[in-house]
Amino acid sequence: MAVKVRLKRFGSKDNPAYRVVVMDSRSPRDGAVIESIGQYNPMREPSIFTVKEDRLRYWMGVGAQPTDTIKRLVAQYSEAVAKEFEKQFKRKFKIKEKRGSHVVESNEQEQSNG
């Protein structure tokens, strides 16, 4: 069985929220879950991304493959796990500042211009 770490959508229409889940890669997006290990809410300002890092490390250790979206989110929000991803996938992940601090900077610029 090919296992992936990916997002499962929930929430209402025009208000998406996602759970970070471990699933069989052949399952549909909202299909059966092996384990739920976190959540992502892009509609909040700043967006919220939480993941149980110990469970993510476990699943990666037993061969689960993260999707590109999960790789990007983890690299953006968790430097420690991003460094482990770099070792495992032998490529650099861009570690960006968290959205919250970036949003604050842009708000200050808007206020000074206005």
PDB file of N, CA and C in Angstrom:
ATOM      1  N   MET A   1       0.853  -1.173   0.000  1.00  0.00           N
ATOM      2  CA  MET A   1       0.000   0.000   0.000  1.00  0.00           C
ATOM      3  C   MET A   1       0.900   1.237   0.000  1.00  0.00           C
ATOM      4  N   ALA A   2       0.667   2.130  -0.947  1.00  0.00           N
ATOM      5  CA  ALA A   2       1.408   3.399  -1.021  1.00  0.00           C
ATOM      6  C   ALA A   2       0.710   4.417  -0.137  1.00  0.00           C
ATOM      7  N   VAL A   3       1.440   4.939   0.843  1.00  0.00           N
ATOM      8  CA  VAL A   3       0.855   5.854   1.827  1.00  0.00           C
ATOM      9  C   VAL A   3       1.375   7.263   1.569  1.00  0.00           C
ATOM     10  N   LYS A   4       0.465   8.238   1.660  1.00  0.00           N
ATOM     11  CA  LYS A   4       0.833   9.642   1.466  1.00  0.00           C
ATOM     12  C   LYS A   4       0.358  10.478   2.640  1.00  0.00           C
ATOM     13  N   VAL A   5       1.105  11.548   2.905  1.00  0.00           N
ATOM     14  CA  VAL A   5       0.686  12.571   3.864  1.00  0.00           C
ATOM     15  C   VAL A   5       0.125  13.691   3.004  1.00  0.00           C
ATOM     16  N   ARG A   6      -1.165  13.990   3.173  1.00  0.00           N
ATOM     17  CA  ARG A   6      -1.793  14.988   2.316  1.00  0.00           C
ATOM     18  C   ARG A   6      -2.916  15.714   3.035  1.00  0.00           C
ATOM     19  N   LEU A   7      -3.569  16.632   2.330  1.00  0.00           N
ATOM     20  CA  LEU A   7      -4.649  17.424   2.912  1.00  0.00           C
ATOM     21  C   LEU A   7      -6.000  16.811   2.585  1.00  0.00           C
ATOM     22  N   LYS A   8      -6.900  16.863   3.558  1.00  0.00           N
ATOM     23  CA  LYS A   8      -8.281  16.419   3.379  1.00  0.00           C
ATOM     24  C   LYS A   8      -9.167  17.631   3.659  1.00  0.00           C
ATOM     25  N   ARG A   9      -9.992  18.010   2.690  1.00  0.00           N
ATOM     26  CA  ARG A   9     -10.784  19.229   2.809  1.00  0.00           C
ATOM     27  C   ARG A   9     -12.013  19.009   3.677  1.00  0.00           C
ATOM     28  N   PHE A  10     -12.305  19.997   4.511  1.00  0.00           N
ATOM     29  CA  PHE A  10     -13.577  20.065   5.209  1.00  0.00           C
ATOM     30  C   PHE A  10     -13.921  21.537   5.352  1.00  0.00           C
ATOM     31  N   GLY A  11     -15.057  21.849   5.901  1.00  0.00           N
ATOM     32  CA  GLY A  11     -15.500  23.238   5.963  1.00  0.00           C
ATOM     33  C   GLY A  11     -16.624  23.459   4.971  1.00  0.00           C
ATOM     34  N   SER A  12     -17.216  24.623   5.040  1.00  0.00           N
ATOM     35  CA  SER A  12     -18.353  24.905   4.170  1.00  0.00           C
ATOM     36  C   SER A  12     -17.904  25.475   2.831  1.00  0.00           C
ATOM     37  N   LYS A  13     -18.862  25.693   1.962  1.00  0.00           N
ATOM     38  CA  LYS A  13     -18.601  26.257   0.644  1.00  0.00           C
ATOM     39  C   LYS A  13     -17.961  27.643   0.802  1.00  0.00           C
ATOM     40  N   ASP A  14     -16.940  27.911   0.019  1.00  0.00           N
ATOM     41  CA  ASP A  14     -16.198  29.175   0.051  1.00  0.00           C
ATOM     42  C   ASP A  14     -15.494  29.440   1.384  1.00  0.00           C
ATOM     43  N   ASN A  15     -15.373  28.432   2.234  1.00  0.00           N
ATOM     44  CA  ASN A  15     -14.665  28.579   3.509  1.00  0.00           C
ATOM     45  C   ASN A  15     -13.880  27.289   3.769  1.00  0.00           C
ATOM     46  N   PRO A  16     -12.850  27.024   2.964  1.00  0.00           N
ATOM     47  CA  PRO A  16     -12.146  25.751   3.109  1.00  0.00           C
ATOM     48  C   PRO A  16     -11.265  25.707   4.346  1.00  0.00           C
ATOM     49  N   ALA A  17     -11.172  24.533   4.897  1.00  0.00           N
ATOM     50  CA  ALA A  17     -10.221  24.213   5.955  1.00  0.00           C
ATOM     51  C   ALA A  17      -9.761  22.788   5.645  1.00  0.00           C
ATOM     52  N   TYR A  18      -8.591  22.446   6.099  1.00  0.00           N
ATOM     53  CA  TYR A  18      -8.026  21.149   5.743  1.00  0.00           C
ATOM     54  C   TYR A  18      -7.474  20.442   6.962  1.00  0.00           C
ATOM     55  N   ARG A  19      -7.517  19.116   6.927  1.00  0.00           N
ATOM     56  CA  ARG A  19      -6.840  18.297   7.918  1.00  0.00           C
ATOM     57  C   ARG A  19      -5.620  17.694   7.241  1.00  0.00           C
ATOM     58  N   VAL A  20      -4.522  17.626   7.972  1.00  0.00           N
ATOM     59  CA  VAL A  20      -3.327  16.944   7.482  1.00  0.00           C
ATOM     60  C   VAL A  20      -3.498  15.490   7.885  1.00  0.00           C
ATOM     61  N   VAL A  21      -3.563  14.611   6.891  1.00  0.00           N
ATOM     62  CA  VAL A  21      -3.881  13.214   7.163  1.00  0.00           C
ATOM     63  C   VAL A  21      -2.893  12.281   6.472  1.00  0.00           C
ATOM     64  N   VAL A  22      -2.849  11.059   6.974  1.00  0.00           N
ATOM     65  CA  VAL A  22      -2.087   9.983   6.355  1.00  0.00           C
ATOM     66  C   VAL A  22      -3.119   9.061   5.716  1.00  0.00           C
ATOM     67  N   MET A  23      -3.002   8.875   4.392  1.00  0.00           N
ATOM     68  CA  MET A  23      -3.988   8.087   3.642  1.00  0.00           C
ATOM     69  C   MET A  23      -3.295   7.200   2.619  1.00  0.00           C
ATOM     70  N   ASP A  24      -4.031   6.199   2.170  1.00  0.00           N
ATOM     71  CA  ASP A  24      -3.599   5.415   1.022  1.00  0.00           C
ATOM     72  C   ASP A  24      -3.660   6.339  -0.195  1.00  0.00           C
ATOM     73  N   SER A  25      -2.652   6.303  -1.036  1.00  0.00           N
ATOM     74  CA  SER A  25      -2.591   7.229  -2.166  1.00  0.00           C
ATOM     75  C   SER A  25      -3.708   6.997  -3.182  1.00  0.00           C
ATOM     76  N   ARG A  26      -4.316   5.821  -3.175  1.00  0.00           N
ATOM     77  CA  ARG A  26      -5.390   5.528  -4.129  1.00  0.00           C
ATOM     78  C   ARG A  26      -6.757   5.966  -3.639  1.00  0.00           C
ATOM     79  N   SER A  27      -6.848   6.419  -2.389  1.00  0.00           N
ATOM     80  CA  SER A  27      -8.121   6.875  -1.830  1.00  0.00           C
ATOM     81  C   SER A  27      -8.499   8.232  -2.407  1.00  0.00           C
ATOM     82  N   PRO A  28      -9.799   8.517  -2.512  1.00  0.00           N
ATOM     83  CA  PRO A  28     -10.201   9.856  -2.946  1.00  0.00           C
ATOM     84  C   PRO A  28      -9.841  10.896  -1.890  1.00  0.00           C
ATOM     85  N   ARG A  29      -9.870  12.166  -2.260  1.00  0.00           N
ATOM     86  CA  ARG A  29      -9.440  13.248  -1.365  1.00  0.00           C
ATOM     87  C   ARG A  29     -10.139  13.195  -0.014  1.00  0.00           C
ATOM     88  N   ASP A  30     -11.430  12.915  -0.005  1.00  0.00           N
ATOM     89  CA  ASP A  30     -12.181  12.881   1.247  1.00  0.00           C
ATOM     90  C   ASP A  30     -12.482  11.457   1.688  1.00  0.00           C
ATOM     91  N   GLY A  31     -11.632  10.507   1.312  1.00  0.00           N
ATOM     92  CA  GLY A  31     -11.849   9.109   1.633  1.00  0.00           C
ATOM     93  C   GLY A  31     -11.377   8.722   3.028  1.00  0.00           C
ATOM     94  N   ALA A  32     -11.202   7.425   3.217  1.00  0.00           N
ATOM     95  CA  ALA A  32     -10.822   6.875   4.518  1.00  0.00           C
ATOM     96  C   ALA A  32      -9.417   7.307   4.915  1.00  0.00           C
ATOM     97  N   VAL A  33      -9.248   7.604   6.194  1.00  0.00           N
ATOM     98  CA  VAL A  33      -8.003   8.124   6.737  1.00  0.00           C
ATOM     99  C   VAL A  33      -7.343   7.076   7.621  1.00  0.00           C
ATOM    100  N   ILE A  34      -6.027   6.936   7.532  1.00  0.00           N
ATOM    101  CA  ILE A  34      -5.290   6.081   8.451  1.00  0.00           C
ATOM    102  C   ILE A  34      -5.097   6.821   9.771  1.00  0.00           C
ATOM    103  N   GLU A  35      -4.625   8.079   9.690  1.00  0.00           N
ATOM    104  CA  GLU A  35      -4.426   8.888  10.892  1.00  0.00           C
ATOM    105  C   GLU A  35      -4.480  10.369  10.523  1.00  0.00           C
ATOM    106  N   SER A  36      -5.106  11.160  11.385  1.00  0.00           N
ATOM    107  CA  SER A  36      -5.138  12.613  11.229  1.00  0.00           C
ATOM    108  C   SER A  36      -4.045  13.189  12.122  1.00  0.00           C
ATOM    109  N   ILE A  37      -3.128  13.973  11.517  1.00  0.00           N
ATOM    110  CA  ILE A  37      -1.978  14.450  12.287  1.00  0.00           C
ATOM    111  C   ILE A  37      -1.881  15.966  12.371  1.00  0.00           C
ATOM    112  N   GLY A  38      -2.857  16.700  11.852  1.00  0.00           N
ATOM    113  CA  GLY A  38      -2.778  18.156  11.952  1.00  0.00           C
ATOM    114  C   GLY A  38      -3.918  18.845  11.231  1.00  0.00           C
ATOM    115  N   GLN A  39      -3.807  20.167  11.121  1.00  0.00           N
ATOM    116  CA  GLN A  39      -4.825  20.935  10.417  1.00  0.00           C
ATOM    117  C   GLN A  39      -4.200  22.169   9.774  1.00  0.00           C
ATOM    118  N   TYR A  40      -4.906  22.681   8.750  1.00  0.00           N
ATOM    119  CA  TYR A  40      -4.468  23.880   8.038  1.00  0.00           C
ATOM    120  C   TYR A  40      -5.704  24.690   7.708  1.00  0.00           C
ATOM    121  N   ASN A  41      -5.693  25.961   8.120  1.00  0.00           N
ATOM    122  CA  ASN A  41      -6.814  26.851   7.827  1.00  0.00           C
ATOM    123  C   ASN A  41      -6.266  28.087   7.115  1.00  0.00           C
ATOM    124  N   PRO A  42      -6.378  28.118   5.774  1.00  0.00           N
ATOM    125  CA  PRO A  42      -5.839  29.247   5.022  1.00  0.00           C
ATOM    126  C   PRO A  42      -6.707  30.496   5.086  1.00  0.00           C
ATOM    127  N   MET A  43      -7.928  30.394   5.574  1.00  0.00           N
ATOM    128  CA  MET A  43      -8.846  31.529   5.588  1.00  0.00           C
ATOM    129  C   MET A  43      -8.625  32.442   6.788  1.00  0.00           C
ATOM    130  N   ARG A  44      -7.953  31.983   7.812  1.00  0.00           N
ATOM    131  CA  ARG A  44      -7.645  32.825   8.971  1.00  0.00           C
ATOM    132  C   ARG A  44      -6.514  33.771   8.605  1.00  0.00           C
ATOM    133  N   GLU A  45      -6.436  34.879   9.288  1.00  0.00           N
ATOM    134  CA  GLU A  45      -5.360  35.826   9.018  1.00  0.00           C
ATOM    135  C   GLU A  45      -4.580  36.060  10.290  1.00  0.00           C
ATOM    136  N   PRO A  46      -3.410  35.574  10.499  1.00  0.00           N
ATOM    137  CA  PRO A  46      -2.615  34.776   9.577  1.00  0.00           C
ATOM    138  C   PRO A  46      -3.116  33.334   9.538  1.00  0.00           C
ATOM    139  N   SER A  47      -2.790  32.636   8.463  1.00  0.00           N
ATOM    140  CA  SER A  47      -3.266  31.267   8.308  1.00  0.00           C
ATOM    141  C   SER A  47      -2.686  30.378   9.408  1.00  0.00           C
ATOM    142  N   ILE A  48      -3.426  29.332   9.744  1.00  0.00           N
ATOM    143  CA  ILE A  48      -3.043  28.435  10.830  1.00  0.00           C
ATOM    144  C   ILE A  48      -2.622  27.091  10.245  1.00  0.00           C
ATOM    145  N   PHE A  49      -1.441  26.627  10.619  1.00  0.00           N
ATOM    146  CA  PHE A  49      -0.967  25.303  10.228  1.00  0.00           C
ATOM    147  C   PHE A  49      -0.385  24.641  11.459  1.00  0.00           C
ATOM    148  N   THR A  50      -0.987  23.537  11.872  1.00  0.00           N
ATOM    149  CA  THR A  50      -0.459  22.771  12.997  1.00  0.00           C
ATOM    150  C   THR A  50      -0.294  21.325  12.551  1.00  0.00           C
ATOM    151  N   VAL A  51       0.753  20.701  13.041  1.00  0.00           N
ATOM    152  CA  VAL A  51       0.992  19.301  12.716  1.00  0.00           C
ATOM    153  C   VAL A  51       1.712  18.660  13.900  1.00  0.00           C
ATOM    154  N   LYS A  52       1.386  17.410  14.175  1.00  0.00           N
ATOM    155  CA  LYS A  52       2.091  16.654  15.213  1.00  0.00           C
ATOM    156  C   LYS A  52       3.408  16.192  14.592  1.00  0.00           C
ATOM    157  N   GLU A  53       4.475  16.902  14.928  1.00  0.00           N
ATOM    158  CA  GLU A  53       5.755  16.644  14.281  1.00  0.00           C
ATOM    159  C   GLU A  53       6.280  15.244  14.550  1.00  0.00           C
ATOM    160  N   ASP A  54       6.032  14.709  15.747  1.00  0.00           N
ATOM    161  CA  ASP A  54       6.510  13.355  16.044  1.00  0.00           C
ATOM    162  C   ASP A  54       5.802  12.326  15.169  1.00  0.00           C
ATOM    163  N   ARG A  55       4.503  12.510  14.934  1.00  0.00           N
ATOM    164  CA  ARG A  55       3.764  11.569  14.080  1.00  0.00           C
ATOM    165  C   ARG A  55       4.164  11.735  12.615  1.00  0.00           C
ATOM    166  N   LEU A  56       4.427  12.975  12.197  1.00  0.00           N
ATOM    167  CA  LEU A  56       4.894  13.210  10.829  1.00  0.00           C
ATOM    168  C   LEU A  56       6.236  12.525  10.614  1.00  0.00           C
ATOM    169  N   ARG A  57       7.149  12.658  11.578  1.00  0.00           N
ATOM    170  CA  ARG A  57       8.449  11.999  11.479  1.00  0.00           C
ATOM    171  C   ARG A  57       8.285  10.480  11.431  1.00  0.00           C
ATOM    172  N   TYR A  58       7.367   9.948  12.258  1.00  0.00           N
ATOM    173  CA  TYR A  58       7.133   8.501  12.262  1.00  0.00           C
ATOM    174  C   TYR A  58       6.682   8.028  10.886  1.00  0.00           C
ATOM    175  N   TRP A  59       5.668   8.685  10.336  1.00  0.00           N
ATOM    176  CA  TRP A  59       5.127   8.245   9.055  1.00  0.00           C
ATOM    177  C   TRP A  59       6.138   8.410   7.929  1.00  0.00           C
ATOM    178  N   MET A  60       6.941   9.466   7.988  1.00  0.00           N
ATOM    179  CA  MET A  60       7.984   9.633   6.988  1.00  0.00           C
ATOM    180  C   MET A  60       9.034   8.524   7.136  1.00  0.00           C
ATOM    181  N   GLY A  61       9.290   8.125   8.372  1.00  0.00           N
ATOM    182  CA  GLY A  61      10.263   7.072   8.633  1.00  0.00           C
ATOM    183  C   GLY A  61       9.836   5.714   8.110  1.00  0.00           C
ATOM    184  N   VAL A  62       8.541   5.449   8.081  1.00  0.00           N
ATOM    185  CA  VAL A  62       8.057   4.164   7.589  1.00  0.00           C
ATOM    186  C   VAL A  62       7.710   4.206   6.103  1.00  0.00           C
ATOM    187  N   GLY A  63       8.009   5.348   5.441  1.00  0.00           N
ATOM    188  CA  GLY A  63       7.886   5.389   3.988  1.00  0.00           C
ATOM    189  C   GLY A  63       6.757   6.208   3.416  1.00  0.00           C
ATOM    190  N   ALA A  64       5.989   6.908   4.229  1.00  0.00           N
ATOM    191  CA  ALA A  64       4.913   7.749   3.695  1.00  0.00           C
ATOM    192  C   ALA A  64       5.518   8.927   2.941  1.00  0.00           C
ATOM    193  N   GLN A  65       4.952   9.244   1.792  1.00  0.00           N
ATOM    194  CA  GLN A  65       5.449  10.333   0.961  1.00  0.00           C
ATOM    195  C   GLN A  65       4.558  11.569   1.132  1.00  0.00           C
ATOM    196  N   PRO A  66       5.128  12.722   1.475  1.00  0.00           N
ATOM    197  CA  PRO A  66       4.317  13.940   1.572  1.00  0.00           C
ATOM    198  C   PRO A  66       4.025  14.491   0.178  1.00  0.00           C
ATOM    199  N   THR A  67       2.866  15.101   0.027  1.00  0.00           N
ATOM    200  CA  THR A  67       2.558  15.754  -1.243  1.00  0.00           C
ATOM    201  C   THR A  67       3.348  17.057  -1.322  1.00  0.00           C
ATOM    202  N   ASP A  68       3.372  17.660  -2.497  1.00  0.00           N
ATOM    203  CA  ASP A  68       4.103  18.915  -2.676  1.00  0.00           C
ATOM    204  C   ASP A  68       3.551  20.010  -1.771  1.00  0.00           C
ATOM    205  N   THR A  69       2.239  20.044  -1.589  1.00  0.00           N
ATOM    206  CA  THR A  69       1.625  21.056  -0.731  1.00  0.00           C
ATOM    207  C   THR A  69       2.071  20.889   0.714  1.00  0.00           C
ATOM    208  N   ILE A  70       2.110  19.669   1.197  1.00  0.00           N
ATOM    209  CA  ILE A  70       2.556  19.411   2.564  1.00  0.00           C
ATOM    210  C   ILE A  70       4.026  19.789   2.718  1.00  0.00           C
ATOM    211  N   LYS A  71       4.855  19.481   1.740  1.00  0.00           N
ATOM    212  CA  LYS A  71       6.263  19.869   1.795  1.00  0.00           C
ATOM    213  C   LYS A  71       6.389  21.383   1.916  1.00  0.00           C
ATOM    214  N   ARG A  72       5.618  22.106   1.110  1.00  0.00           N
ATOM    215  CA  ARG A  72       5.686  23.569   1.126  1.00  0.00           C
ATOM    216  C   ARG A  72       5.222  24.128   2.459  1.00  0.00           C
ATOM    217  N   LEU A  73       4.114  23.618   2.990  1.00  0.00           N
ATOM    218  CA  LEU A  73       3.587  24.113   4.262  1.00  0.00           C
ATOM    219  C   LEU A  73       4.540  23.822   5.416  1.00  0.00           C
ATOM    220  N   VAL A  74       5.104  22.630   5.440  1.00  0.00           N
ATOM    221  CA  VAL A  74       6.030  22.281   6.516  1.00  0.00           C
ATOM    222  C   VAL A  74       7.285  23.138   6.423  1.00  0.00           C
ATOM    223  N   ALA A  75       7.783  23.350   5.215  1.00  0.00           N
ATOM    224  CA  ALA A  75       8.967  24.193   5.047  1.00  0.00           C
ATOM    225  C   ALA A  75       8.690  25.624   5.487  1.00  0.00           C
ATOM    226  N   GLN A  76       7.475  26.076   5.285  1.00  0.00           N
ATOM    227  CA  GLN A  76       7.121  27.444   5.633  1.00  0.00           C
ATOM    228  C   GLN A  76       6.935  27.626   7.137  1.00  0.00           C
ATOM    229  N   TYR A  77       6.394  26.629   7.831  1.00  0.00           N
ATOM    230  CA  TYR A  77       6.021  26.799   9.223  1.00  0.00           C
ATOM    231  C   TYR A  77       6.889  26.065  10.232  1.00  0.00           C
ATOM    232  N   SER A  78       7.698  25.091   9.816  1.00  0.00           N
ATOM    233  CA  SER A  78       8.470  24.309  10.773  1.00  0.00           C
ATOM    234  C   SER A  78       9.881  24.073  10.248  1.00  0.00           C
ATOM    235  N   GLU A  79      10.839  24.835  10.754  1.00  0.00           N
ATOM    236  CA  GLU A  79      12.207  24.736  10.271  1.00  0.00           C
ATOM    237  C   GLU A  79      12.854  23.393  10.589  1.00  0.00           C
ATOM    238  N   ALA A  80      12.560  22.834  11.761  1.00  0.00           N
ATOM    239  CA  ALA A  80      13.193  21.571  12.165  1.00  0.00           C
ATOM    240  C   ALA A  80      12.797  20.432  11.231  1.00  0.00           C
ATOM    241  N   VAL A  81      11.521  20.326  10.924  1.00  0.00           N
ATOM    242  CA  VAL A  81      11.065  19.251  10.042  1.00  0.00           C
ATOM    243  C   VAL A  81      11.521  19.526   8.615  1.00  0.00           C
ATOM    244  N   ALA A  82      11.583  20.786   8.214  1.00  0.00           N
ATOM    245  CA  ALA A  82      12.053  21.127   6.869  1.00  0.00           C
ATOM    246  C   ALA A  82      13.482  20.657   6.658  1.00  0.00           C
ATOM    247  N   LYS A  83      14.321  20.782   7.680  1.00  0.00           N
ATOM    248  CA  LYS A  83      15.705  20.319   7.564  1.00  0.00           C
ATOM    249  C   LYS A  83      15.762  18.803   7.391  1.00  0.00           C
ATOM    250  N   GLU A  84      14.861  18.087   8.069  1.00  0.00           N
ATOM    251  CA  GLU A  84      14.805  16.634   7.886  1.00  0.00           C
ATOM    252  C   GLU A  84      14.337  16.288   6.476  1.00  0.00           C
ATOM    253  N   PHE A  85      13.382  17.071   5.941  1.00  0.00           N
ATOM    254  CA  PHE A  85      12.939  16.867   4.564  1.00  0.00           C
ATOM    255  C   PHE A  85      14.110  17.046   3.597  1.00  0.00           C
ATOM    256  N   GLU A  86      14.949  18.060   3.847  1.00  0.00           N
ATOM    257  CA  GLU A  86      16.096  18.306   2.986  1.00  0.00           C
ATOM    258  C   GLU A  86      17.007  17.087   2.946  1.00  0.00           C
ATOM    259  N   LYS A  87      17.256  16.492   4.114  1.00  0.00           N
ATOM    260  CA  LYS A  87      18.115  15.310   4.171  1.00  0.00           C
ATOM    261  C   LYS A  87      17.475  14.147   3.425  1.00  0.00           C
ATOM    262  N   GLN A  88      16.174  13.952   3.642  1.00  0.00           N
ATOM    263  CA  GLN A  88      15.506  12.799   3.063  1.00  0.00           C
ATOM    264  C   GLN A  88      15.345  12.928   1.548  1.00  0.00           C
ATOM    265  N   PHE A  89      15.001  14.119   1.071  1.00  0.00           N
ATOM    266  CA  PHE A  89      14.725  14.294  -0.357  1.00  0.00           C
ATOM    267  C   PHE A  89      15.898  14.909  -1.110  1.00  0.00           C
ATOM    268  N   LYS A  90      16.996  15.214  -0.398  1.00  0.00           N
ATOM    269  CA  LYS A  90      18.236  15.712  -0.986  1.00  0.00           C
ATOM    270  C   LYS A  90      18.017  16.931  -1.877  1.00  0.00           C
ATOM    271  N   ARG A  91      17.198  17.868  -1.408  1.00  0.00           N
ATOM    272  CA  ARG A  91      17.050  19.142  -2.096  1.00  0.00           C
ATOM    273  C   ARG A  91      16.655  20.197  -1.092  1.00  0.00           C
ATOM    274  N   LYS A  92      16.901  21.417  -1.417  1.00  0.00           N
ATOM    275  CA  LYS A  92      16.632  22.529  -0.503  1.00  0.00           C
ATOM    276  C   LYS A  92      15.155  22.876  -0.502  1.00  0.00           C
ATOM    277  N   PHE A  93      14.646  23.167   0.677  1.00  0.00           N
ATOM    278  CA  PHE A  93      13.299  23.687   0.821  1.00  0.00           C
ATOM    279  C   PHE A  93      13.432  25.139   1.229  1.00  0.00           C
ATOM    280  N   LYS A  94      12.722  26.002   0.574  1.00  0.00           N
ATOM    281  CA  LYS A  94      12.778  27.416   0.905  1.00  0.00           C
ATOM    282  C   LYS A  94      12.020  27.648   2.198  1.00  0.00           C
ATOM    283  N   ILE A  95      12.713  28.130   3.208  1.00  0.00           N
ATOM    284  CA  ILE A  95      12.089  28.426   4.488  1.00  0.00           C
ATOM    285  C   ILE A  95      11.765  29.901   4.500  1.00  0.00           C
ATOM    286  N   LYS A  96      10.475  30.204   4.460  1.00  0.00           N
ATOM    287  CA  LYS A  96      10.027  31.589   4.407  1.00  0.00           C
ATOM    288  C   LYS A  96       9.611  32.050   5.786  1.00  0.00           C
ATOM    289  N   GLU A  97       9.489  33.359   5.936  1.00  0.00           N
ATOM    290  CA  GLU A  97       8.960  33.891   7.184  1.00  0.00           C
ATOM    291  C   GLU A  97       7.499  33.506   7.285  1.00  0.00           C
ATOM    292  N   LYS A  98       7.010  33.398   8.499  1.00  0.00           N
ATOM    293  CA  LYS A  98       5.607  33.069   8.698  1.00  0.00           C
ATOM    294  C   LYS A  98       4.741  34.196   8.160  1.00  0.00           C
ATOM    295  N   ARG A  99       3.587  33.836   7.672  1.00  0.00           N
ATOM    296  CA  ARG A  99       2.696  34.806   7.066  1.00  0.00           C
ATOM    297  C   ARG A  99       2.323  35.933   8.016  1.00  0.00           C
ATOM    298  N   GLY A 100       2.141  35.620   9.283  1.00  0.00           N
ATOM    299  CA  GLY A 100       1.702  36.619  10.240  1.00  0.00           C
ATOM    300  C   GLY A 100       2.635  37.814  10.288  1.00  0.00           C
ATOM    301  N   SER A 101       3.934  37.571  10.337  1.00  0.00           N
ATOM    302  CA  SER A 101       4.867  38.685  10.405  1.00  0.00           C
ATOM    303  C   SER A 101       4.878  39.445   9.080  1.00  0.00           C
ATOM    304  N   HIS A 102       4.715  38.741   7.970  1.00  0.00           N
ATOM    305  CA  HIS A 102       4.687  39.401   6.675  1.00  0.00           C
ATOM    306  C   HIS A 102       3.445  40.281   6.545  1.00  0.00           C
ATOM    307  N   VAL A 103       2.314  39.801   7.031  1.00  0.00           N
ATOM    308  CA  VAL A 103       1.080  40.578   6.966  1.00  0.00           C
ATOM    309  C   VAL A 103       1.206  41.847   7.798  1.00  0.00           C
ATOM    310  N   VAL A 104       1.836  41.757   8.950  1.00  0.00           N
ATOM    311  CA  VAL A 104       2.009  42.931   9.803  1.00  0.00           C
ATOM    312  C   VAL A 104       2.839  43.982   9.079  1.00  0.00           C
ATOM    313  N   GLU A 105       3.904  43.556   8.418  1.00  0.00           N
ATOM    314  CA  GLU A 105       4.738  44.505   7.686  1.00  0.00           C
ATOM    315  C   GLU A 105       3.948  45.201   6.584  1.00  0.00           C
ATOM    316  N   SER A 106       3.134  44.441   5.842  1.00  0.00           N
ATOM    317  CA  SER A 106       2.377  45.056   4.756  1.00  0.00           C
ATOM    318  C   SER A 106       1.309  46.002   5.297  1.00  0.00           C
ATOM    319  N   ASN A 107       0.720  45.705   6.455  1.00  0.00           N
ATOM    320  CA  ASN A 107      -0.266  46.604   7.047  1.00  0.00           C
ATOM    321  C   ASN A 107       0.383  47.912   7.464  1.00  0.00           C
ATOM    322  N   GLU A 108       1.601  47.855   7.998  1.00  0.00           N
ATOM    323  CA  GLU A 108       2.292  49.080   8.412  1.00  0.00           C
ATOM    324  C   GLU A 108       2.596  49.953   7.207  1.00  0.00           C
ATOM    325  N   GLN A 109       2.957  49.356   6.092  1.00  0.00           N
ATOM    326  CA  GLN A 109       3.241  50.107   4.875  1.00  0.00           C
ATOM    327  C   GLN A 109       1.975  50.768   4.350  1.00  0.00           C
ATOM    328  N   GLU A 110       0.843  50.043   4.400  1.00  0.00           N
ATOM    329  CA  GLU A 110      -0.421  50.608   3.930  1.00  0.00           C
ATOM    330  C   GLU A 110      -0.834  51.786   4.785  1.00  0.00           C
ATOM    331  N   GLN A 111      -0.644  51.692   6.097  1.00  0.00           N
ATOM    332  CA  GLN A 111      -1.033  52.782   6.995  1.00  0.00           C
ATOM    333  C   GLN A 111      -0.175  54.004   6.770  1.00  0.00           C
ATOM    334  N   SER A 112       1.129  53.826   6.498  1.00  0.00           N
ATOM    335  CA  SER A 112       2.005  54.977   6.290  1.00  0.00           C
ATOM    336  C   SER A 112       1.742  55.637   4.945  1.00  0.00           C
ATOM    337  N   ASN A 113       1.282  54.840   3.944  1.00  0.00           N
ATOM    338  CA  ASN A 113       0.969  55.409   2.632  1.00  0.00           C
ATOM    339  C   ASN A 113      -0.365  56.140   2.638  1.00  0.00           C
ATOM    340  N   GLY A 114      -1.284  55.726   3.511  1.00  0.00           N
ATOM    341  CA  GLY A 114      -2.657  56.246   3.510  1.00  0.00           C
ATOM    342  C   GLY A 114      -2.875  57.461   4.277  1.00  0.00           C
TER     343      GLY A 114
END
